[in-house]
N, C-alpha and C. Protein backbone atom coordinates (compact mmCIF):
# COMPACT_ATOMS: atom_id res chain seq x y z
N MET A 1 42.25 -66.04 73.04
CA MET A 1 42.02 -65.51 71.73
C MET A 1 41.07 -66.44 70.98
N TYR A 2 40.21 -65.85 70.20
CA TYR A 2 39.24 -66.61 69.42
C TYR A 2 39.22 -66.09 67.99
N ASP A 3 39.05 -67.00 67.05
CA ASP A 3 38.92 -66.66 65.65
C ASP A 3 37.52 -66.08 65.44
N MET A 4 37.43 -64.90 64.85
CA MET A 4 36.14 -64.23 64.67
C MET A 4 35.27 -64.90 63.62
N GLN A 5 35.85 -65.71 62.74
CA GLN A 5 35.05 -66.35 61.69
C GLN A 5 34.55 -67.72 62.11
N THR A 6 35.37 -68.46 62.86
CA THR A 6 34.99 -69.83 63.23
C THR A 6 34.61 -69.97 64.69
N SER A 7 34.93 -68.98 65.51
CA SER A 7 34.75 -68.96 66.97
C SER A 7 35.62 -69.99 67.69
N ASN A 8 36.56 -70.59 66.98
CA ASN A 8 37.48 -71.55 67.60
C ASN A 8 38.53 -70.81 68.42
N PRO A 9 38.95 -71.40 69.55
CA PRO A 9 40.02 -70.78 70.32
C PRO A 9 41.36 -70.87 69.57
N ILE A 10 42.20 -69.89 69.78
CA ILE A 10 43.52 -69.84 69.15
C ILE A 10 44.56 -69.74 70.26
N TYR A 11 45.59 -70.56 70.18
CA TYR A 11 46.67 -70.54 71.15
C TYR A 11 47.81 -69.69 70.61
N ILE A 12 48.20 -68.69 71.37
CA ILE A 12 49.31 -67.81 71.00
C ILE A 12 50.53 -68.26 71.80
N SER A 13 51.59 -68.70 71.14
CA SER A 13 52.75 -69.24 71.84
C SER A 13 53.96 -68.30 71.84
N LYS A 14 53.93 -67.27 71.02
CA LYS A 14 55.08 -66.37 70.91
C LYS A 14 54.62 -64.92 71.04
N PRO A 15 55.48 -64.06 71.58
CA PRO A 15 55.14 -62.63 71.59
C PRO A 15 55.19 -62.08 70.17
N GLY A 16 54.44 -61.03 69.95
CA GLY A 16 54.43 -60.40 68.64
C GLY A 16 53.04 -59.92 68.31
N PRO A 17 52.84 -59.48 67.09
CA PRO A 17 51.52 -58.98 66.71
C PRO A 17 50.49 -60.12 66.71
N LEU A 18 49.29 -59.77 67.05
CA LEU A 18 48.21 -60.77 67.07
C LEU A 18 47.74 -61.06 65.65
N PRO A 19 47.30 -62.27 65.41
CA PRO A 19 46.75 -62.60 64.08
C PRO A 19 45.51 -61.75 63.79
N GLU A 20 45.28 -61.50 62.52
CA GLU A 20 44.08 -60.76 62.13
C GLU A 20 42.85 -61.61 62.40
N ASN A 21 41.71 -60.97 62.50
CA ASN A 21 40.42 -61.63 62.72
C ASN A 21 40.41 -62.44 64.01
N THR A 22 40.99 -61.89 65.08
CA THR A 22 40.95 -62.54 66.38
C THR A 22 40.40 -61.57 67.41
N THR A 23 39.86 -62.11 68.49
CA THR A 23 39.34 -61.31 69.58
C THR A 23 39.61 -62.03 70.90
N THR A 24 39.64 -61.26 71.97
CA THR A 24 39.82 -61.86 73.30
C THR A 24 38.48 -62.23 73.91
N GLN A 25 37.39 -61.78 73.31
CA GLN A 25 36.05 -62.09 73.82
C GLN A 25 35.67 -63.52 73.46
N ALA A 26 35.23 -64.28 74.43
CA ALA A 26 34.80 -65.66 74.18
C ALA A 26 33.34 -65.67 73.71
N PRO A 27 33.00 -66.52 72.73
CA PRO A 27 31.60 -66.65 72.35
C PRO A 27 30.81 -67.26 73.51
N THR A 28 29.54 -66.91 73.61
CA THR A 28 28.73 -67.40 74.72
C THR A 28 27.95 -68.66 74.39
N SER A 29 27.85 -69.00 73.11
CA SER A 29 27.14 -70.22 72.72
C SER A 29 27.72 -70.75 71.40
N PRO A 30 27.44 -72.00 71.07
CA PRO A 30 27.97 -72.57 69.82
C PRO A 30 27.41 -71.92 68.55
N ILE A 31 26.31 -71.19 68.66
CA ILE A 31 25.70 -70.59 67.46
C ILE A 31 26.09 -69.13 67.29
N ASP A 32 26.99 -68.62 68.12
CA ASP A 32 27.37 -67.21 68.03
C ASP A 32 28.22 -66.92 66.80
N LYS A 33 28.06 -65.71 66.28
CA LYS A 33 28.94 -65.19 65.23
C LYS A 33 29.40 -63.81 65.68
N PHE A 34 30.58 -63.40 65.22
CA PHE A 34 31.14 -62.11 65.62
C PHE A 34 30.64 -61.05 64.66
N GLU A 35 29.94 -60.06 65.22
CA GLU A 35 29.32 -59.03 64.40
C GLU A 35 29.37 -57.69 65.13
N ASN A 36 29.83 -56.66 64.47
CA ASN A 36 29.90 -55.31 65.04
C ASN A 36 30.64 -55.27 66.38
N GLY A 37 31.74 -56.01 66.48
CA GLY A 37 32.58 -55.97 67.67
C GLY A 37 32.12 -56.82 68.83
N GLN A 38 31.14 -57.70 68.61
CA GLN A 38 30.68 -58.56 69.70
C GLN A 38 30.09 -59.85 69.15
N TRP A 39 30.01 -60.86 70.01
CA TRP A 39 29.40 -62.13 69.63
C TRP A 39 27.89 -61.99 69.77
N VAL A 40 27.15 -62.40 68.74
CA VAL A 40 25.69 -62.39 68.77
C VAL A 40 25.19 -63.75 68.28
N ALA A 41 24.01 -64.12 68.73
CA ALA A 41 23.43 -65.40 68.32
C ALA A 41 23.06 -65.35 66.84
N ASP A 42 23.47 -66.36 66.10
CA ASP A 42 23.13 -66.49 64.68
C ASP A 42 21.87 -67.35 64.61
N LEU A 43 20.73 -66.70 64.56
CA LEU A 43 19.45 -67.41 64.64
C LEU A 43 19.20 -68.29 63.42
N ALA A 44 19.72 -67.92 62.26
CA ALA A 44 19.56 -68.76 61.07
C ALA A 44 20.29 -70.09 61.27
N THR A 45 21.48 -70.04 61.85
CA THR A 45 22.22 -71.27 62.13
C THR A 45 21.49 -72.10 63.17
N ALA A 46 20.97 -71.45 64.20
CA ALA A 46 20.24 -72.17 65.25
C ALA A 46 19.02 -72.87 64.67
N LEU A 47 18.30 -72.20 63.79
CA LEU A 47 17.11 -72.79 63.18
C LEU A 47 17.48 -74.00 62.32
N GLY A 48 18.54 -73.87 61.54
CA GLY A 48 19.00 -75.00 60.72
C GLY A 48 19.42 -76.19 61.57
N GLN A 49 20.12 -75.93 62.67
CA GLN A 49 20.53 -77.02 63.57
C GLN A 49 19.31 -77.69 64.20
N LYS A 50 18.32 -76.91 64.58
CA LYS A 50 17.13 -77.48 65.21
C LYS A 50 16.36 -78.33 64.20
N TYR A 51 16.23 -77.87 62.96
CA TYR A 51 15.57 -78.68 61.93
C TYR A 51 16.30 -80.00 61.73
N ALA A 52 17.62 -79.96 61.70
CA ALA A 52 18.41 -81.19 61.53
C ALA A 52 18.19 -82.14 62.70
N GLU A 53 18.15 -81.62 63.92
CA GLU A 53 17.90 -82.45 65.10
C GLU A 53 16.52 -83.11 65.03
N ILE A 54 15.52 -82.32 64.65
CA ILE A 54 14.15 -82.85 64.57
C ILE A 54 14.06 -83.92 63.49
N ASN A 55 14.65 -83.68 62.33
CA ASN A 55 14.60 -84.67 61.25
C ASN A 55 15.34 -85.94 61.63
N ALA A 56 16.47 -85.81 62.32
CA ALA A 56 17.22 -87.00 62.76
C ALA A 56 16.40 -87.79 63.77
N TRP A 57 15.73 -87.10 64.68
CA TRP A 57 14.89 -87.78 65.67
C TRP A 57 13.71 -88.48 64.98
N ARG A 58 13.09 -87.79 64.03
CA ARG A 58 11.93 -88.34 63.34
C ARG A 58 12.31 -89.57 62.51
N ASN A 59 13.49 -89.54 61.90
CA ASN A 59 13.92 -90.63 61.03
C ASN A 59 14.58 -91.78 61.77
N ALA A 60 14.76 -91.63 63.07
CA ALA A 60 15.43 -92.69 63.85
C ALA A 60 14.48 -93.84 64.15
């Protein structure tokens, strides 16, 4: 199970109803977001992460 908002895995230890905003589909990359029933790449997040990496490298 995965949280649809954070993409973090969720451990279910007891039988019963599943928590809201969860899915059994695993995200395929760290930049994925859950949209329209599936994980898709969040390109805005990817771009922001790449800019941060470049700036950190440049300032090192």
